[in-house]
Amino acid sequence: MNLPNKLTILRVCMIPFFVAVLLCQGGKNQTLRIVADVIFIVASLTDLLDGKIARKYHLVTNFGKFMDPLADKLLVCSALICLIELGQIPAWVVIIIISREFIISGFRLVASDNGVVIAASYWGKFKTVFQMTAVILLILNLEPLKLVADIVLWIAVALTVISLADYIYKNHKVLTEGSM
């Protein structure tokens, strides 16, 4: 169990605390929302940190390859589902985002069975940055930032769809031919 894997496990362990703090008092306590935001930001930063450490010190493991993207999806999806509960975003937005994650995970699973590794694309990385930024702004729930939060969320949704189309376009042979 190396440091990057410990950071990934820490990120997963932070999710229940994040959810509990965000939903406490129906999300009406601004101090608790700030605490939830800090937890989300710290958890998000562990993703950046564990990847850098794993690559720099050659600590990439099968556990990390599996758990790191799963931890990211759990964190972001938990936040988005909480934001539905708090009435801040419509369910269809979250359905689009979660559906994309299932589709890409399915593609990667089929590719893996055929010995093909599908690397993360720049579109996918941009999507993640905008999703996390939208979540951070929406959790803050500050009136002066509402328009910015909405714009960032719409960009995140657009990038979600664009990155899905990009993955399908670049990797359709994995499904049709079993190889790239």
C-alpha atoms as a PDB file:
ATOM      1  CA  MET A   1       0.000   0.000   0.000  1.00  0.00           C
ATOM      2  CA  ASN A   2       1.980   2.975  -1.298  1.00  0.00           C
ATOM      3  CA  LEU A   3       1.336   6.699  -0.740  1.00  0.00           C
ATOM      4  CA  PRO A   4      -0.709   7.304  -3.927  1.00  0.00           C
ATOM      5  CA  ASN A   5      -3.012   4.397  -3.038  1.00  0.00           C
ATOM      6  CA  LYS A   6      -3.359   5.718   0.523  1.00  0.00           C
ATOM      7  CA  LEU A   7      -4.361   9.116  -0.882  1.00  0.00           C
ATOM      8  CA  THR A   8      -6.959   7.427  -3.094  1.00  0.00           C
ATOM      9  CA  ILE A   9      -8.386   5.564  -0.097  1.00  0.00           C
ATOM     10  CA  LEU A  10      -8.388   8.821   1.879  1.00  0.00           C
ATOM     11  CA  ARG A  11     -10.400  10.454  -0.928  1.00  0.00           C
ATOM     12  CA  VAL A  12     -12.997   7.678  -0.785  1.00  0.00           C
ATOM     13  CA  CYS A  13     -13.156   7.910   3.022  1.00  0.00           C
ATOM     14  CA  MET A  14     -13.748  11.675   2.817  1.00  0.00           C
ATOM     15  CA  ILE A  15     -16.899  11.259   0.699  1.00  0.00           C
ATOM     16  CA  PRO A  16     -19.319  10.284   3.518  1.00  0.00           C
ATOM     17  CA  PHE A  17     -18.073  13.200   5.653  1.00  0.00           C
ATOM     18  CA  PHE A  18     -18.441  15.573   2.709  1.00  0.00           C
ATOM     19  CA  VAL A  19     -22.003  14.378   2.028  1.00  0.00           C
ATOM     20  CA  ALA A  20     -23.013  14.535   5.694  1.00  0.00           C
ATOM     21  CA  VAL A  21     -21.676  18.071   6.150  1.00  0.00           C
ATOM     22  CA  LEU A  22     -23.178  19.348   2.897  1.00  0.00           C
ATOM     23  CA  LEU A  23     -26.631  17.912   3.576  1.00  0.00           C
ATOM     24  CA  CYS A  24     -26.646  18.774   7.288  1.00  0.00           C
ATOM     25  CA  GLN A  25     -29.455  21.203   8.137  1.00  0.00           C
ATOM     26  CA  GLY A  26     -30.752  20.869   4.592  1.00  0.00           C
ATOM     27  CA  GLY A  27     -27.750  22.730   3.224  1.00  0.00           C
ATOM     28  CA  LYS A  28     -28.973  25.971   4.742  1.00  0.00           C
ATOM     29  CA  ASN A  29     -26.000  26.599   7.039  1.00  0.00           C
ATOM     30  CA  GLN A  30     -23.408  28.599   5.080  1.00  0.00           C
ATOM     31  CA  THR A  31     -20.590  27.707   7.479  1.00  0.00           C
ATOM     32  CA  LEU A  32     -21.259  23.997   6.950  1.00  0.00           C
ATOM     33  CA  ARG A  33     -21.354  24.554   3.192  1.00  0.00           C
ATOM     34  CA  ILE A  34     -17.911  26.156   3.372  1.00  0.00           C
ATOM     35  CA  VAL A  35     -16.656  23.182   5.408  1.00  0.00           C
ATOM     36  CA  ALA A  36     -18.153  20.826   2.804  1.00  0.00           C
ATOM     37  CA  ASP A  37     -16.461  22.829   0.058  1.00  0.00           C
ATOM     38  CA  VAL A  38     -13.105  22.580   1.826  1.00  0.00           C
ATOM     39  CA  ILE A  39     -13.542  18.806   2.170  1.00  0.00           C
ATOM     40  CA  PHE A  40     -14.430  18.554  -1.536  1.00  0.00           C
ATOM     41  CA  ILE A  41     -11.431  20.687  -2.556  1.00  0.00           C
ATOM     42  CA  VAL A  42      -9.016  18.701  -0.372  1.00  0.00           C
ATOM     43  CA  ALA A  43     -10.409  15.432  -1.733  1.00  0.00           C
ATOM     44  CA  SER A  44     -10.065  16.755  -5.291  1.00  0.00           C
ATOM     45  CA  LEU A  45      -6.477  17.807  -4.643  1.00  0.00           C
ATOM     46  CA  THR A  46      -5.605  14.311  -3.411  1.00  0.00           C
ATOM     47  CA  ASP A  47      -6.481  13.129  -6.927  1.00  0.00           C
ATOM     48  CA  LEU A  48      -3.976  15.531  -8.454  1.00  0.00           C
ATOM     49  CA  LEU A  49      -1.359  14.643  -5.853  1.00  0.00           C
ATOM     50  CA  ASP A  50      -1.685  10.859  -5.995  1.00  0.00           C
ATOM     51  CA  GLY A  51      -1.319  10.843  -9.769  1.00  0.00           C
ATOM     52  CA  LYS A  52       1.781  13.037  -9.726  1.00  0.00           C
ATOM     53  CA  ILE A  53       3.423  10.946  -7.014  1.00  0.00           C
ATOM     54  CA  ALA A  54       2.563   7.649  -8.697  1.00  0.00           C
ATOM     55  CA  ARG A  55       4.013   8.745 -12.038  1.00  0.00           C
ATOM     56  CA  LYS A  56       7.076  10.523 -10.641  1.00  0.00           C
ATOM     57  CA  TYR A  57       8.166   7.672  -8.367  1.00  0.00           C
ATOM     58  CA  HIS A  58       6.916   4.821 -10.575  1.00  0.00           C
ATOM     59  CA  LEU A  59       4.351   3.727  -7.997  1.00  0.00           C
ATOM     60  CA  VAL A  60       1.588   2.906 -10.477  1.00  0.00           C
ATOM     61  CA  THR A  61      -0.303  -0.208  -9.337  1.00  0.00           C
ATOM     62  CA  ASN A  62      -3.297  -2.176 -10.584  1.00  0.00           C
ATOM     63  CA  PHE A  63      -5.136  -1.109  -7.417  1.00  0.00           C
ATOM     64  CA  GLY A  64      -4.433   2.535  -8.254  1.00  0.00           C
ATOM     65  CA  LYS A  65      -5.445   2.128 -11.891  1.00  0.00           C
ATOM     66  CA  PHE A  66      -8.776   0.740 -10.728  1.00  0.00           C
ATOM     67  CA  MET A  67      -9.477   2.796  -7.607  1.00  0.00           C
ATOM     68  CA  ASP A  68      -8.242   6.249  -8.640  1.00  0.00           C
ATOM     69  CA  PRO A  69     -10.798   6.846 -11.418  1.00  0.00           C
ATOM     70  CA  LEU A  70     -13.492   5.153  -9.332  1.00  0.00           C
ATOM     71  CA  ALA A  71     -12.744   7.459  -6.378  1.00  0.00           C
ATOM     72  CA  ASP A  72     -13.007  10.487  -8.674  1.00  0.00           C
ATOM     73  CA  LYS A  73     -16.345   9.357 -10.045  1.00  0.00           C
ATOM     74  CA  LEU A  74     -17.675   8.634  -6.545  1.00  0.00           C
ATOM     75  CA  LEU A  75     -16.622  12.079  -5.317  1.00  0.00           C
ATOM     76  CA  VAL A  76     -18.073  14.072  -8.202  1.00  0.00           C
ATOM     77  CA  CYS A  77     -21.246  11.988  -8.506  1.00  0.00           C
ATOM     78  CA  SER A  78     -21.875  12.203  -4.757  1.00  0.00           C
ATOM     79  CA  ALA A  79     -21.555  15.980  -4.914  1.00  0.00           C
ATOM     80  CA  LEU A  80     -23.858  16.254  -7.926  1.00  0.00           C
ATOM     81  CA  ILE A  81     -26.497  14.021  -6.337  1.00  0.00           C
ATOM     82  CA  CYS A  82     -26.360  16.139  -3.164  1.00  0.00           C
ATOM     83  CA  LEU A  83     -26.847  19.260  -5.275  1.00  0.00           C
ATOM     84  CA  ILE A  84     -30.012  17.690  -6.738  1.00  0.00           C
ATOM     85  CA  GLU A  85     -31.214  17.041  -3.181  1.00  0.00           C
ATOM     86  CA  LEU A  86     -30.536  20.687  -2.329  1.00  0.00           C
ATOM     87  CA  GLY A  87     -32.511  21.826  -5.378  1.00  0.00           C
ATOM     88  CA  GLN A  88     -29.538  23.510  -7.042  1.00  0.00           C
ATOM     89  CA  ILE A  89     -29.257  21.503 -10.233  1.00  0.00           C
ATOM     90  CA  PRO A  90     -31.765  19.528 -12.274  1.00  0.00           C
ATOM     91  CA  ALA A  91     -31.562  15.741 -12.260  1.00  0.00           C
ATOM     92  CA  TRP A  92     -31.173  15.554 -16.054  1.00  0.00           C
ATOM     93  CA  VAL A  93     -27.796  17.307 -15.799  1.00  0.00           C
ATOM     94  CA  VAL A  94     -26.555  14.671 -13.385  1.00  0.00           C
ATOM     95  CA  ILE A  95     -28.023  11.877 -15.502  1.00  0.00           C
ATOM     96  CA  ILE A  96     -26.013  13.118 -18.507  1.00  0.00           C
ATOM     97  CA  ILE A  97     -22.820  13.303 -16.466  1.00  0.00           C
ATOM     98  CA  ILE A  98     -23.244   9.912 -14.789  1.00  0.00           C
ATOM     99  CA  SER A  99     -24.311   8.261 -18.065  1.00  0.00           C
ATOM    100  CA  ARG A 100     -21.137   9.482 -19.724  1.00  0.00           C
ATOM    101  CA  GLU A 101     -19.073   7.959 -16.919  1.00  0.00           C
ATOM    102  CA  PHE A 102     -20.820   4.586 -17.286  1.00  0.00           C
ATOM    103  CA  ILE A 103     -20.356   4.611 -21.069  1.00  0.00           C
ATOM    104  CA  ILE A 104     -16.656   5.495 -20.868  1.00  0.00           C
ATOM    105  CA  SER A 105     -16.107   2.903 -18.132  1.00  0.00           C
ATOM    106  CA  GLY A 106     -17.771   0.322 -20.358  1.00  0.00           C
ATOM    107  CA  PHE A 107     -15.567   1.294 -23.286  1.00  0.00           C
ATOM    108  CA  ARG A 108     -12.477   0.978 -21.113  1.00  0.00           C
ATOM    109  CA  LEU A 109     -13.587  -2.425 -19.828  1.00  0.00           C
ATOM    110  CA  VAL A 110     -14.116  -3.785 -23.353  1.00  0.00           C
ATOM    111  CA  ALA A 111     -10.813  -2.247 -24.479  1.00  0.00           C
ATOM    112  CA  SER A 112      -9.001  -3.752 -21.496  1.00  0.00           C
ATOM    113  CA  ASP A 113     -10.386  -7.194 -22.330  1.00  0.00           C
ATOM    114  CA  ASN A 114      -8.827  -6.740 -25.773  1.00  0.00           C
ATOM    115  CA  GLY A 115      -5.474  -5.578 -24.407  1.00  0.00           C
ATOM    116  CA  VAL A 116      -6.094  -1.949 -25.362  1.00  0.00           C
ATOM    117  CA  VAL A 117      -5.593   0.943 -22.944  1.00  0.00           C
ATOM    118  CA  ILE A 118      -7.739   4.006 -23.546  1.00  0.00           C
ATOM    119  CA  ALA A 119      -5.935   7.003 -22.123  1.00  0.00           C
ATOM    120  CA  ALA A 120      -7.755  10.031 -20.760  1.00  0.00           C
ATOM    121  CA  SER A 121      -8.243  12.701 -23.405  1.00  0.00           C
ATOM    122  CA  TYR A 122      -7.803  16.422 -23.057  1.00  0.00           C
ATOM    123  CA  TRP A 123     -11.567  16.808 -23.465  1.00  0.00           C
ATOM    124  CA  GLY A 124     -12.068  14.469 -20.514  1.00  0.00           C
ATOM    125  CA  LYS A 125      -9.571  16.399 -18.419  1.00  0.00           C
ATOM    126  CA  PHE A 126     -11.220  19.728 -19.265  1.00  0.00           C
ATOM    127  CA  LYS A 127     -14.579  18.166 -18.421  1.00  0.00           C
ATOM    128  CA  THR A 128     -13.309  17.112 -15.009  1.00  0.00           C
ATOM    129  CA  VAL A 129     -11.895  20.569 -14.238  1.00  0.00           C
ATOM    130  CA  PHE A 130     -15.160  22.276 -15.173  1.00  0.00           C
ATOM    131  CA  GLN A 131     -17.278  19.725 -13.281  1.00  0.00           C
ATOM    132  CA  MET A 132     -15.206  20.150 -10.122  1.00  0.00           C
ATOM    133  CA  THR A 133     -15.185  23.936 -10.461  1.00  0.00           C
ATOM    134  CA  ALA A 134     -18.958  23.963 -10.940  1.00  0.00           C
ATOM    135  CA  VAL A 135     -19.401  21.768  -7.859  1.00  0.00           C
ATOM    136  CA  ILE A 136     -17.167  24.052  -5.776  1.00  0.00           C
ATOM    137  CA  LEU A 137     -19.096  27.159  -6.859  1.00  0.00           C
ATOM    138  CA  LEU A 138     -22.492  25.514  -6.402  1.00  0.00           C
ATOM    139  CA  ILE A 139     -21.617  24.285  -2.914  1.00  0.00           C
ATOM    140  CA  LEU A 140     -20.633  27.835  -1.923  1.00  0.00           C
ATOM    141  CA  ASN A 141     -24.080  28.940  -3.073  1.00  0.00           C
ATOM    142  CA  LEU A 142     -23.225  32.641  -3.013  1.00  0.00           C
ATOM    143  CA  GLU A 143     -25.621  34.936  -4.844  1.00  0.00           C
ATOM    144  CA  PRO A 144     -22.867  37.019  -6.523  1.00  0.00           C
ATOM    145  CA  LEU A 145     -21.388  33.799  -7.974  1.00  0.00           C
ATOM    146  CA  LYS A 146     -24.678  32.215  -9.075  1.00  0.00           C
ATOM    147  CA  LEU A 147     -24.383  33.275 -12.718  1.00  0.00           C
ATOM    148  CA  VAL A 148     -20.732  32.164 -12.867  1.00  0.00           C
ATOM    149  CA  ALA A 149     -21.642  28.821 -11.270  1.00  0.00           C
ATOM    150  CA  ASP A 150     -24.444  28.297 -13.804  1.00  0.00           C
ATOM    151  CA  ILE A 151     -22.168  29.141 -16.743  1.00  0.00           C
ATOM    152  CA  VAL A 152     -19.420  26.809 -15.493  1.00  0.00           C
ATOM    153  CA  LEU A 153     -22.021  24.052 -15.005  1.00  0.00           C
ATOM    154  CA  TRP A 154     -23.321  24.502 -18.577  1.00  0.00           C
ATOM    155  CA  ILE A 155     -19.759  24.365 -19.906  1.00  0.00           C
ATOM    156  CA  ALA A 156     -19.194  21.191 -17.849  1.00  0.00           C
ATOM    157  CA  VAL A 157     -22.306  19.597 -19.368  1.00  0.00           C
ATOM    158  CA  ALA A 158     -21.196  20.595 -22.880  1.00  0.00           C
ATOM    159  CA  LEU A 159     -17.701  19.206 -22.257  1.00  0.00           C
ATOM    160  CA  THR A 160     -19.258  16.020 -20.873  1.00  0.00           C
ATOM    161  CA  VAL A 161     -21.100  15.470 -24.155  1.00  0.00           C
ATOM    162  CA  ILE A 162     -18.126  16.559 -26.300  1.00  0.00           C
ATOM    163  CA  SER A 163     -15.712  14.280 -24.433  1.00  0.00           C
ATOM    164  CA  LEU A 164     -18.142  11.355 -24.798  1.00  0.00           C
ATOM    165  CA  ALA A 165     -18.439  11.964 -28.546  1.00  0.00           C
ATOM    166  CA  ASP A 166     -14.637  12.228 -28.771  1.00  0.00           C
ATOM    167  CA  TYR A 167     -14.148   8.905 -26.933  1.00  0.00           C
ATOM    168  CA  ILE A 168     -16.714   7.155 -29.113  1.00  0.00           C
ATOM    169  CA  TYR A 169     -15.253   8.592 -32.314  1.00  0.00           C
ATOM    170  CA  LYS A 170     -11.659   7.712 -31.409  1.00  0.00           C
ATOM    171  CA  ASN A 171     -12.405   4.295 -29.928  1.00  0.00           C
ATOM    172  CA  HIS A 172     -15.409   2.924 -31.831  1.00  0.00           C
ATOM    173  CA  LYS A 173     -13.255   0.118 -33.260  1.00  0.00           C
ATOM    174  CA  VAL A 174     -12.928  -1.321 -29.754  1.00  0.00           C
ATOM    175  CA  LEU A 175     -16.622  -2.194 -29.909  1.00  0.00           C
ATOM    176  CA  THR A 176     -16.905  -3.013 -33.600  1.00  0.00           C
ATOM    177  CA  GLU A 177     -13.612  -4.832 -34.199  1.00  0.00           C
ATOM    178  CA  GLY A 178     -12.261  -5.598 -30.714  1.00  0.00           C
ATOM    179  CA  SER A 179      -9.090  -3.602 -31.326  1.00  0.00           C
ATOM    180  CA  MET A 180      -7.882  -0.144 -32.239  1.00  0.00           C
END
